[in-house]
């Protein structure tokens, strides 16, 4: 019996491709090929092949992407807080022209 992938299965696989591009693990050309395979998949096995290429054993790619985005936000917040703290310590308005 052949198991056909659902639209949700295809959308989840496409999200894994997007995360892999965002993480820099694959290029746009590879992403295009994988998305084409994802949406042309007629069997669950074909779709599983795409997912297997993009996932790390024991860890979901989307979890990694969310983690990396959170780290970037924290770093940016810390940098902004540092600038404001230094400006306050030196009694300088960080937004005024010099």
PDB file of N, CA and C in Angstrom:
ATOM      1  N   UNK A   1       0.834  -1.171   0.000  1.00  0.00           N
ATOM      2  CA  UNK A   1       0.000   0.000   0.000  1.00  0.00           C
ATOM      3  C   UNK A   1       0.889   1.249   0.000  1.00  0.00           C
ATOM      4  N   UNK A   2       0.604   2.198  -0.871  1.00  0.00           N
ATOM      5  CA  UNK A   2       1.359   3.444  -0.980  1.00  0.00           C
ATOM      6  C   UNK A   2       0.714   4.506  -0.103  1.00  0.00           C
ATOM      7  N   UNK A   3       1.528   5.155   0.709  1.00  0.00           N
ATOM      8  CA  UNK A   3       1.034   6.221   1.577  1.00  0.00           C
ATOM      9  C   UNK A   3       1.377   7.550   0.924  1.00  0.00           C
ATOM     10  N   UNK A   4       0.361   8.338   0.632  1.00  0.00           N
ATOM     11  CA  UNK A   4       0.556   9.640   0.009  1.00  0.00           C
ATOM     12  C   UNK A   4       0.772  10.695   1.089  1.00  0.00           C
ATOM     13  N   UNK A   5       1.706  11.622   0.869  1.00  0.00           N
ATOM     14  CA  UNK A   5       1.922  12.675   1.864  1.00  0.00           C
ATOM     15  C   UNK A   5       0.761  13.665   1.871  1.00  0.00           C
ATOM     16  N   UNK A   6       0.426  14.165   3.033  1.00  0.00           N
ATOM     17  CA  UNK A   6      -0.636  15.165   3.139  1.00  0.00           C
ATOM     18  C   UNK A   6      -0.058  16.547   2.839  1.00  0.00           C
ATOM     19  N   UNK A   7      -0.945  17.497   2.630  1.00  0.00           N
ATOM     20  CA  UNK A   7      -0.504  18.876   2.438  1.00  0.00           C
ATOM     21  C   UNK A   7       0.247  19.393   3.653  1.00  0.00           C
ATOM     22  N   UNK A   8      -0.185  18.994   4.846  1.00  0.00           N
ATOM     23  CA  UNK A   8       0.520  19.403   6.069  1.00  0.00           C
ATOM     24  C   UNK A   8       1.927  18.824   6.100  1.00  0.00           C
ATOM     25  N   UNK A   9       2.067  17.559   5.681  1.00  0.00           N
ATOM     26  CA  UNK A   9       3.390  16.938   5.626  1.00  0.00           C
ATOM     27  C   UNK A   9       4.303  17.719   4.681  1.00  0.00           C
ATOM     28  N   UNK A  10       3.761  18.110   3.537  1.00  0.00           N
ATOM     29  CA  UNK A  10       4.556  18.858   2.566  1.00  0.00           C
ATOM     30  C   UNK A  10       4.922  20.243   3.104  1.00  0.00           C
ATOM     31  N   UNK A  11       3.991  20.910   3.775  1.00  0.00           N
ATOM     32  CA  UNK A  11       4.287  22.229   4.344  1.00  0.00           C
ATOM     33  C   UNK A  11       5.348  22.132   5.439  1.00  0.00           C
ATOM     34  N   UNK A  12       5.305  21.079   6.252  1.00  0.00           N
ATOM     35  CA  UNK A  12       6.318  20.899   7.297  1.00  0.00           C
ATOM     36  C   UNK A  12       7.688  20.648   6.681  1.00  0.00           C
ATOM     37  N   UNK A  13       7.730  19.849   5.628  1.00  0.00           N
ATOM     38  CA  UNK A  13       9.005  19.604   4.945  1.00  0.00           C
ATOM     39  C   UNK A  13       9.526  20.897   4.315  1.00  0.00           C
ATOM     40  N   UNK A  14       8.635  21.701   3.737  1.00  0.00           N
ATOM     41  CA  UNK A  14       9.037  22.981   3.147  1.00  0.00           C
ATOM     42  C   UNK A  14       9.587  23.917   4.216  1.00  0.00           C
ATOM     43  N   UNK A  15       9.009  23.892   5.411  1.00  0.00           N
ATOM     44  CA  UNK A  15       9.511  24.705   6.521  1.00  0.00           C
ATOM     45  C   UNK A  15      10.917  24.266   6.922  1.00  0.00           C
ATOM     46  N   UNK A  16      11.179  22.969   6.902  1.00  0.00           N
ATOM     47  CA  UNK A  16      12.525  22.478   7.190  1.00  0.00           C
ATOM     48  C   UNK A  16      13.519  22.998   6.158  1.00  0.00           C
ATOM     49  N   UNK A  17      13.103  23.044   4.907  1.00  0.00           N
ATOM     50  CA  UNK A  17      13.967  23.581   3.851  1.00  0.00           C
ATOM     51  C   UNK A  17      14.248  25.057   4.127  1.00  0.00           C
ATOM     52  N   UNK A  18      13.206  25.824   4.463  1.00  0.00           N
ATOM     53  CA  UNK A  18      13.384  27.247   4.748  1.00  0.00           C
ATOM     54  C   UNK A  18      14.346  27.464   5.922  1.00  0.00           C
ATOM     55  N   UNK A  19      14.199  26.668   6.960  1.00  0.00           N
ATOM     56  CA  UNK A  19      15.091  26.785   8.123  1.00  0.00           C
ATOM     57  C   UNK A  19      16.533  26.456   7.753  1.00  0.00           C
ATOM     58  N   UNK A  20      16.706  25.460   6.902  1.00  0.00           N
ATOM     59  CA  UNK A  20      18.056  25.084   6.470  1.00  0.00           C
ATOM     60  C   UNK A  20      18.704  26.212   5.679  1.00  0.00           C
ATOM     61  N   UNK A  21      17.915  26.912   4.863  1.00  0.00           N
ATOM     62  CA  UNK A  21      18.443  28.068   4.127  1.00  0.00           C
ATOM     63  C   UNK A  21      18.789  29.180   5.114  1.00  0.00           C
ATOM     64  N   UNK A  22      17.884  29.466   6.059  1.00  0.00           N
ATOM     65  CA  UNK A  22      18.116  30.514   7.058  1.00  0.00           C
ATOM     66  C   UNK A  22      19.372  30.237   7.883  1.00  0.00           C
ATOM     67  N   UNK A  23      19.610  28.965   8.178  1.00  0.00           N
ATOM     68  CA  UNK A  23      20.785  28.574   8.960  1.00  0.00           C
ATOM     69  C   UNK A  23      22.060  28.575   8.132  1.00  0.00           C
ATOM     70  N   UNK A  24      21.912  28.678   6.817  1.00  0.00           N
ATOM     71  CA  UNK A  24      23.086  28.648   5.940  1.00  0.00           C
ATOM     72  C   UNK A  24      23.601  27.251   5.664  1.00  0.00           C
ATOM     73  N   UNK A  25      22.801  26.235   5.975  1.00  0.00           N
ATOM     74  CA  UNK A  25      23.246  24.854   5.744  1.00  0.00           C
ATOM     75  C   UNK A  25      23.079  24.421   4.303  1.00  0.00           C
ATOM     76  N   UNK A  26      22.168  25.063   3.580  1.00  0.00           N
ATOM     77  CA  UNK A  26      21.996  24.770   2.162  1.00  0.00           C
ATOM     78  C   UNK A  26      21.825  26.085   1.406  1.00  0.00           C
ATOM     79  N   UNK A  27      22.152  26.049   0.131  1.00  0.00           N
ATOM     80  CA  UNK A  27      22.016  27.238  -0.702  1.00  0.00           C
ATOM     81  C   UNK A  27      20.654  27.290  -1.369  1.00  0.00           C
ATOM     82  N   UNK A  28      20.431  28.380  -2.079  1.00  0.00           N
ATOM     83  CA  UNK A  28      19.148  28.601  -2.734  1.00  0.00           C
ATOM     84  C   UNK A  28      18.896  27.541  -3.814  1.00  0.00           C
ATOM     85  N   UNK A  29      19.926  27.186  -4.556  1.00  0.00           N
ATOM     86  CA  UNK A  29      19.760  26.178  -5.614  1.00  0.00           C
ATOM     87  C   UNK A  29      19.316  24.836  -5.024  1.00  0.00           C
ATOM     88  N   UNK A  30      19.981  24.415  -3.927  1.00  0.00           N
ATOM     89  CA  UNK A  30      19.582  23.161  -3.278  1.00  0.00           C
ATOM     90  C   UNK A  30      18.180  23.270  -2.695  1.00  0.00           C
ATOM     91  N   UNK A  31      17.857  24.441  -2.144  1.00  0.00           N
ATOM     92  CA  UNK A  31      16.523  24.636  -1.578  1.00  0.00           C
ATOM     93  C   UNK A  31      15.465  24.496  -2.665  1.00  0.00           C
ATOM     94  N   UNK A  32      15.723  25.063  -3.829  1.00  0.00           N
ATOM     95  CA  UNK A  32      14.778  24.941  -4.939  1.00  0.00           C
ATOM     96  C   UNK A  32      14.562  23.502  -5.346  1.00  0.00           C
ATOM     97  N   UNK A  33      15.642  22.753  -5.402  1.00  0.00           N
ATOM     98  CA  UNK A  33      15.546  21.331  -5.765  1.00  0.00           C
ATOM     99  C   UNK A  33      14.754  20.564  -4.714  1.00  0.00           C
ATOM    100  N   UNK A  34      15.045  20.832  -3.436  1.00  0.00           N
ATOM    101  CA  UNK A  34      14.348  20.122  -2.359  1.00  0.00           C
ATOM    102  C   UNK A  34      12.866  20.517  -2.287  1.00  0.00           C
ATOM    103  N   UNK A  35      12.568  21.782  -2.513  1.00  0.00           N
ATOM    104  CA  UNK A  35      11.158  22.201  -2.513  1.00  0.00           C
ATOM    105  C   UNK A  35      10.405  21.572  -3.672  1.00  0.00           C
ATOM    106  N   UNK A  36      11.065  21.491  -4.813  1.00  0.00           N
ATOM    107  CA  UNK A  36      10.441  20.835  -5.965  1.00  0.00           C
ATOM    108  C   UNK A  36      10.127  19.378  -5.641  1.00  0.00           C
ATOM    109  N   UNK A  37      11.092  18.696  -5.043  1.00  0.00           N
ATOM    110  CA  UNK A  37      10.892  17.300  -4.650  1.00  0.00           C
ATOM    111  C   UNK A  37       9.777  17.194  -3.610  1.00  0.00           C
ATOM    112  N   UNK A  38       9.749  18.137  -2.673  1.00  0.00           N
ATOM    113  CA  UNK A  38       8.734  18.134  -1.612  1.00  0.00           C
ATOM    114  C   UNK A  38       7.332  18.213  -2.184  1.00  0.00           C
ATOM    115  N   UNK A  39       7.116  19.144  -3.090  1.00  0.00           N
ATOM    116  CA  UNK A  39       5.758  19.344  -3.603  1.00  0.00           C
ATOM    117  C   UNK A  39       5.379  18.384  -4.736  1.00  0.00           C
ATOM    118  N   UNK A  40       6.381  17.707  -5.328  1.00  0.00           N
ATOM    119  CA  UNK A  40       6.078  16.695  -6.337  1.00  0.00           C
ATOM    120  C   UNK A  40       5.954  15.302  -5.739  1.00  0.00           C
ATOM    121  N   UNK A  41       6.308  15.154  -4.461  1.00  0.00           N
ATOM    122  CA  UNK A  41       6.309  13.835  -3.818  1.00  0.00           C
ATOM    123  C   UNK A  41       4.928  13.185  -3.914  1.00  0.00           C
ATOM    124  N   UNK A  42       4.922  11.976  -4.424  1.00  0.00           N
ATOM    125  CA  UNK A  42       3.678  11.211  -4.550  1.00  0.00           C
ATOM    126  C   UNK A  42       3.553  10.145  -3.466  1.00  0.00           C
ATOM    127  N   UNK A  43       4.682   9.890  -2.785  1.00  0.00           N
ATOM    128  CA  UNK A  43       4.661   8.911  -1.695  1.00  0.00           C
ATOM    129  C   UNK A  43       5.295   9.536  -0.456  1.00  0.00           C
ATOM    130  N   UNK A  44       4.908   9.019   0.672  1.00  0.00           N
ATOM    131  CA  UNK A  44       5.491   9.468   1.939  1.00  0.00           C
ATOM    132  C   UNK A  44       6.998   9.187   1.955  1.00  0.00           C
ATOM    133  N   UNK A  45       7.410   8.118   1.317  1.00  0.00           N
ATOM    134  CA  UNK A  45       8.825   7.753   1.286  1.00  0.00           C
ATOM    135  C   UNK A  45       9.664   8.824   0.577  1.00  0.00           C
ATOM    136  N   UNK A  46       9.145   9.386  -0.517  1.00  0.00           N
ATOM    137  CA  UNK A  46       9.861  10.459  -1.220  1.00  0.00           C
ATOM    138  C   UNK A  46      10.018  11.683  -0.319  1.00  0.00           C
ATOM    139  N   UNK A  47       8.974  12.013   0.395  1.00  0.00           N
ATOM    140  CA  UNK A  47       9.014  13.157   1.303  1.00  0.00           C
ATOM    141  C   UNK A  47       9.950  12.888   2.479  1.00  0.00           C
ATOM    142  N   UNK A  48       9.951  11.667   2.967  1.00  0.00           N
ATOM    143  CA  UNK A  48      10.852  11.303   4.065  1.00  0.00           C
ATOM    144  C   UNK A  48      12.313  11.468   3.666  1.00  0.00           C
ATOM    145  N   UNK A  49      12.609  11.271   2.384  1.00  0.00           N
ATOM    146  CA  UNK A  49      13.980  11.464   1.905  1.00  0.00           C
ATOM    147  C   UNK A  49      14.423  12.909   2.052  1.00  0.00           C
ATOM    148  N   UNK A  50      13.532  13.842   1.767  1.00  0.00           N
ATOM    149  CA  UNK A  50      13.845  15.266   1.936  1.00  0.00           C
ATOM    150  C   UNK A  50      14.062  15.576   3.412  1.00  0.00           C
ATOM    151  N   UNK A  51      13.160  15.104   4.254  1.00  0.00           N
ATOM    152  CA  UNK A  51      13.252  15.360   5.688  1.00  0.00           C
ATOM    153  C   UNK A  51      14.542  14.774   6.259  1.00  0.00           C
ATOM    154  N   UNK A  52      14.911  13.588   5.819  1.00  0.00           N
ATOM    155  CA  UNK A  52      16.129  12.933   6.321  1.00  0.00           C
ATOM    156  C   UNK A  52      17.373  13.746   5.985  1.00  0.00           C
ATOM    157  N   UNK A  53      17.379  14.404   4.824  1.00  0.00           N
ATOM    158  CA  UNK A  53      18.528  15.222   4.442  1.00  0.00           C
ATOM    159  C   UNK A  53      18.679  16.453   5.324  1.00  0.00           C
ATOM    160  N   UNK A  54      17.587  16.924   5.889  1.00  0.00           N
ATOM    161  CA  UNK A  54      17.602  18.207   6.583  1.00  0.00           C
ATOM    162  C   UNK A  54      17.600  18.123   8.095  1.00  0.00           C
ATOM    163  N   UNK A  55      17.383  16.966   8.637  1.00  0.00           N
ATOM    164  CA  UNK A  55      17.294  16.869  10.094  1.00  0.00           C
ATOM    165  C   UNK A  55      18.545  16.235  10.678  1.00  0.00           C
ATOM    166  N   UNK A  56      18.853  16.689  11.866  1.00  0.00           N
ATOM    167  CA  UNK A  56      19.964  16.142  12.627  1.00  0.00           C
ATOM    168  C   UNK A  56      19.387  15.104  13.572  1.00  0.00           C
ATOM    169  N   UNK A  57      20.027  13.941  13.709  1.00  0.00           N
ATOM    170  CA  UNK A  57      19.479  12.935  14.615  1.00  0.00           C
ATOM    171  C   UNK A  57      19.237  13.510  16.013  1.00  0.00           C
ATOM    172  N   UNK A  58      18.010  13.323  16.482  1.00  0.00           N
ATOM    173  CA  UNK A  58      17.669  13.748  17.826  1.00  0.00           C
ATOM    174  C   UNK A  58      17.324  15.224  17.977  1.00  0.00           C
ATOM    175  N   UNK A  59      17.344  15.959  16.873  1.00  0.00           N
ATOM    176  CA  UNK A  59      17.051  17.387  16.982  1.00  0.00           C
ATOM    177  C   UNK A  59      16.319  17.871  15.740  1.00  0.00           C
ATOM    178  N   UNK A  60      15.255  18.614  15.944  1.00  0.00           N
ATOM    179  CA  UNK A  60      14.456  19.140  14.845  1.00  0.00           C
ATOM    180  C   UNK A  60      15.081  20.434  14.345  1.00  0.00           C
ATOM    181  N   UNK A  61      15.166  20.602  13.038  1.00  0.00           N
ATOM    182  CA  UNK A  61      15.761  21.794  12.450  1.00  0.00           C
ATOM    183  C   UNK A  61      15.023  23.047  12.884  1.00  0.00           C
ATOM    184  N   UNK A  62      13.703  22.984  12.976  1.00  0.00           N
ATOM    185  CA  UNK A  62      12.940  24.178  13.360  1.00  0.00           C
ATOM    186  C   UNK A  62      13.270  24.598  14.789  1.00  0.00           C
ATOM    187  N   UNK A  63      13.583  23.639  15.680  1.00  0.00           N
ATOM    188  CA  UNK A  63      14.003  23.974  17.039  1.00  0.00           C
ATOM    189  C   UNK A  63      15.325  24.733  17.007  1.00  0.00           C
ATOM    190  N   UNK A  64      16.240  24.296  16.156  1.00  0.00           N
ATOM    191  CA  UNK A  64      17.544  24.940  16.037  1.00  0.00           C
ATOM    192  C   UNK A  64      17.392  26.359  15.501  1.00  0.00           C
ATOM    193  N   UNK A  65      16.547  26.535  14.498  1.00  0.00           N
ATOM    194  CA  UNK A  65      16.326  27.862  13.929  1.00  0.00           C
ATOM    195  C   UNK A  65      15.728  28.803  14.969  1.00  0.00           C
ATOM    196  N   UNK A  66      14.759  28.328  15.729  1.00  0.00           N
ATOM    197  CA  UNK A  66      14.152  29.153  16.776  1.00  0.00           C
ATOM    198  C   UNK A  66      15.184  29.524  17.832  1.00  0.00           C
ATOM    199  N   UNK A  67      16.036  28.585  18.191  1.00  0.00           N
ATOM    200  CA  UNK A  67      17.099  28.841  19.167  1.00  0.00           C
ATOM    201  C   UNK A  67      18.053  29.920  18.647  1.00  0.00           C
ATOM    202  N   UNK A  68      18.473  29.804  17.386  1.00  0.00           N
ATOM    203  CA  UNK A  68      19.396  30.778  16.815  1.00  0.00           C
ATOM    204  C   UNK A  68      18.769  32.170  16.740  1.00  0.00           C
ATOM    205  N   UNK A  69      17.493  32.240  16.372  1.00  0.00           N
ATOM    206  CA  UNK A  69      16.814  33.541  16.341  1.00  0.00           C
ATOM    207  C   UNK A  69      16.765  34.158  17.740  1.00  0.00           C
ATOM    208  N   UNK A  70      16.502  33.343  18.761  1.00  0.00           N
ATOM    209  CA  UNK A  70      16.459  33.837  20.130  1.00  0.00           C
ATOM    210  C   UNK A  70      17.833  34.361  20.561  1.00  0.00           C
ATOM    211  N   UNK A  71      18.895  33.656  20.196  1.00  0.00           N
ATOM    212  CA  UNK A  71      20.254  34.098  20.537  1.00  0.00           C
ATOM    213  C   UNK A  71      20.549  35.439  19.882  1.00  0.00           C
ATOM    214  N   UNK A  72      20.183  35.597  18.616  1.00  0.00           N
ATOM    215  CA  UNK A  72      20.410  36.871  17.920  1.00  0.00           C
ATOM    216  C   UNK A  72      19.661  37.998  18.618  1.00  0.00           C
ATOM    217  N   UNK A  73      18.418  37.761  19.014  1.00  0.00           N
ATOM    218  CA  UNK A  73      17.651  38.796  19.704  1.00  0.00           C
ATOM    219  C   UNK A  73      18.295  39.170  21.034  1.00  0.00           C
ATOM    220  N   UNK A  74      18.785  38.202  21.752  1.00  0.00           N
ATOM    221  CA  UNK A  74      19.432  38.471  23.041  1.00  0.00           C
ATOM    222  C   UNK A  74      20.704  39.285  22.844  1.00  0.00           C
ATOM    223  N   UNK A  75      21.500  38.925  21.853  1.00  0.00           N
ATOM    224  CA  UNK A  75      22.743  39.655  21.579  1.00  0.00           C
ATOM    225  C   UNK A  75      22.444  41.102  21.189  1.00  0.00           C
ATOM    226  N   UNK A  76      21.441  41.298  20.333  1.00  0.00           N
ATOM    227  CA  UNK A  76      21.084  42.662  19.932  1.00  0.00           C
ATOM    228  C   UNK A  76      20.569  43.478  21.118  1.00  0.00           C
ATOM    229  N   UNK A  77      19.776  42.862  21.961  1.00  0.00           N
ATOM    230  CA  UNK A  77      19.276  43.553  23.153  1.00  0.00           C
ATOM    231  C   UNK A  77      20.440  43.924  24.074  1.00  0.00           C
ATOM    232  N   UNK A  78      21.361  43.007  24.272  1.00  0.00           N
ATOM    233  CA  UNK A  78      22.513  43.271  25.141  1.00  0.00           C
ATOM    234  C   UNK A  78      23.375  44.402  24.578  1.00  0.00           C
ATOM    235  N   UNK A  79      23.554  44.439  23.265  1.00  0.00           N
ATOM    236  CA  UNK A  79      24.347  45.506  22.649  1.00  0.00           C
ATOM    237  C   UNK A  79      23.674  46.863  22.845  1.00  0.00           C
ATOM    238  N   UNK A  80      22.362  46.913  22.632  1.00  0.00           N
ATOM    239  CA  UNK A  80      21.636  48.171  22.820  1.00  0.00           C
ATOM    240  C   UNK A  80      21.691  48.617  24.280  1.00  0.00           C
ATOM    241  N   UNK A  81      21.532  47.694  25.205  1.00  0.00           N
ATOM    242  CA  UNK A  81      21.589  48.024  26.625  1.00  0.00           C
ATOM    243  C   UNK A  81      22.972  48.540  27.003  1.00  0.00           C
ATOM    244  N   UNK A  82      23.997  47.970  26.422  1.00  0.00           N
ATOM    245  CA  UNK A  82      25.369  48.402  26.701  1.00  0.00           C
ATOM    246  C   UNK A  82      25.591  49.832  26.226  1.00  0.00           C
ATOM    247  N   UNK A  83      25.128  50.150  25.028  1.00  0.00           N
ATOM    248  CA  UNK A  83      25.268  51.509  24.498  1.00  0.00           C
ATOM    249  C   UNK A  83      24.553  52.509  25.409  1.00  0.00           C
ATOM    250  N   UNK A  84      23.347  52.181  25.819  1.00  0.00           N
ATOM    251  CA  UNK A  84      22.599  53.080  26.696  1.00  0.00           C
ATOM    252  C   UNK A  84      23.269  53.232  28.057  1.00  0.00           C
ATOM    253  N   UNK A  85      23.818  52.163  28.598  1.00  0.00           N
ATOM    254  CA  UNK A  85      24.501  52.224  29.887  1.00  0.00           C
ATOM    255  C   UNK A  85      25.746  53.092  29.809  1.00  0.00           C
ATOM    256  N   UNK A  86      26.535  52.913  28.766  1.00  0.00           N
ATOM    257  CA  UNK A  86      27.747  53.717  28.598  1.00  0.00           C
ATOM    258  C   UNK A  86      27.379  55.187  28.430  1.00  0.00           C
ATOM    259  N   UNK A  87      26.340  55.455  27.654  1.00  0.00           N
ATOM    260  CA  UNK A  87      25.902  56.840  27.467  1.00  0.00           C
ATOM    261  C   UNK A  87      25.452  57.443  28.789  1.00  0.00           C
ATOM    262  N   UNK A  88      24.733  56.685  29.591  1.00  0.00           N
ATOM    263  CA  UNK A  88      24.261  57.183  30.885  1.00  0.00           C
ATOM    264  C   UNK A  88      25.431  57.451  31.829  1.00  0.00           C
ATOM    265  N   UNK A  89      26.423  56.580  31.808  1.00  0.00           N
ATOM    266  CA  UNK A  89      27.585  56.757  32.683  1.00  0.00           C
ATOM    267  C   UNK A  89      28.399  57.983  32.287  1.00  0.00           C
ATOM    268  N   UNK A  90      28.377  58.334  31.037  1.00  0.00           N
ATOM    269  CA  UNK A  90      29.133  59.492  30.549  1.00  0.00           C
ATOM    270  C   UNK A  90      28.237  60.720  30.382  1.00  0.00           C
ATOM    271  N   UNK A  91      27.014  60.644  30.852  1.00  0.00           N
ATOM    272  CA  UNK A  91      26.046  61.739  30.757  1.00  0.00           C
ATOM    273  C   UNK A  91      25.930  62.269  29.340  1.00  0.00           C
ATOM    274  N   UNK A  92      25.788  61.348  28.393  1.00  0.00           N
ATOM    275  CA  UNK A  92      25.670  61.703  26.984  1.00  0.00           C
ATOM    276  C   UNK A  92      24.333  61.201  26.480  1.00  0.00           C
ATOM    277  N   UNK A  93      23.672  62.017  25.688  1.00  0.00           N
ATOM    278  CA  UNK A  93      22.431  61.577  25.046  1.00  0.00           C
ATOM    279  C   UNK A  93      22.817  60.770  23.807  1.00  0.00           C
ATOM    280  N   UNK A  94      22.587  59.453  23.784  1.00  0.00           N
ATOM    281  CA  UNK A  94      23.053  58.632  22.670  1.00  0.00           C
ATOM    282  C   UNK A  94      22.354  58.946  21.351  1.00  0.00           C
ATOM    283  N   UNK A  95      21.248  59.668  21.398  1.00  0.00           N
ATOM    284  CA  UNK A  95      20.513  59.961  20.183  1.00  0.00           C
ATOM    285  C   UNK A  95      20.781  61.351  19.629  1.00  0.00           C
ATOM    286  N   UNK A  96      21.517  62.180  20.374  1.00  0.00           N
ATOM    287  CA  UNK A  96      21.784  63.537  19.888  1.00  0.00           C
ATOM    288  C   UNK A  96      23.014  63.536  18.996  1.00  0.00           C
ATOM    289  N   UNK A  97      23.035  64.448  18.003  1.00  0.00           N
ATOM    290  CA  UNK A  97      24.227  64.555  17.138  1.00  0.00           C
ATOM    291  C   UNK A  97      25.400  65.115  17.954  1.00  0.00           C
ATOM    292  N   UNK A  98      26.582  64.725  17.562  1.00  0.00           N
ATOM    293  CA  UNK A  98      27.780  65.149  18.317  1.00  0.00           C
ATOM    294  C   UNK A  98      28.076  66.558  18.026  1.00  0.00           C
TER     295      UNK A  98
END
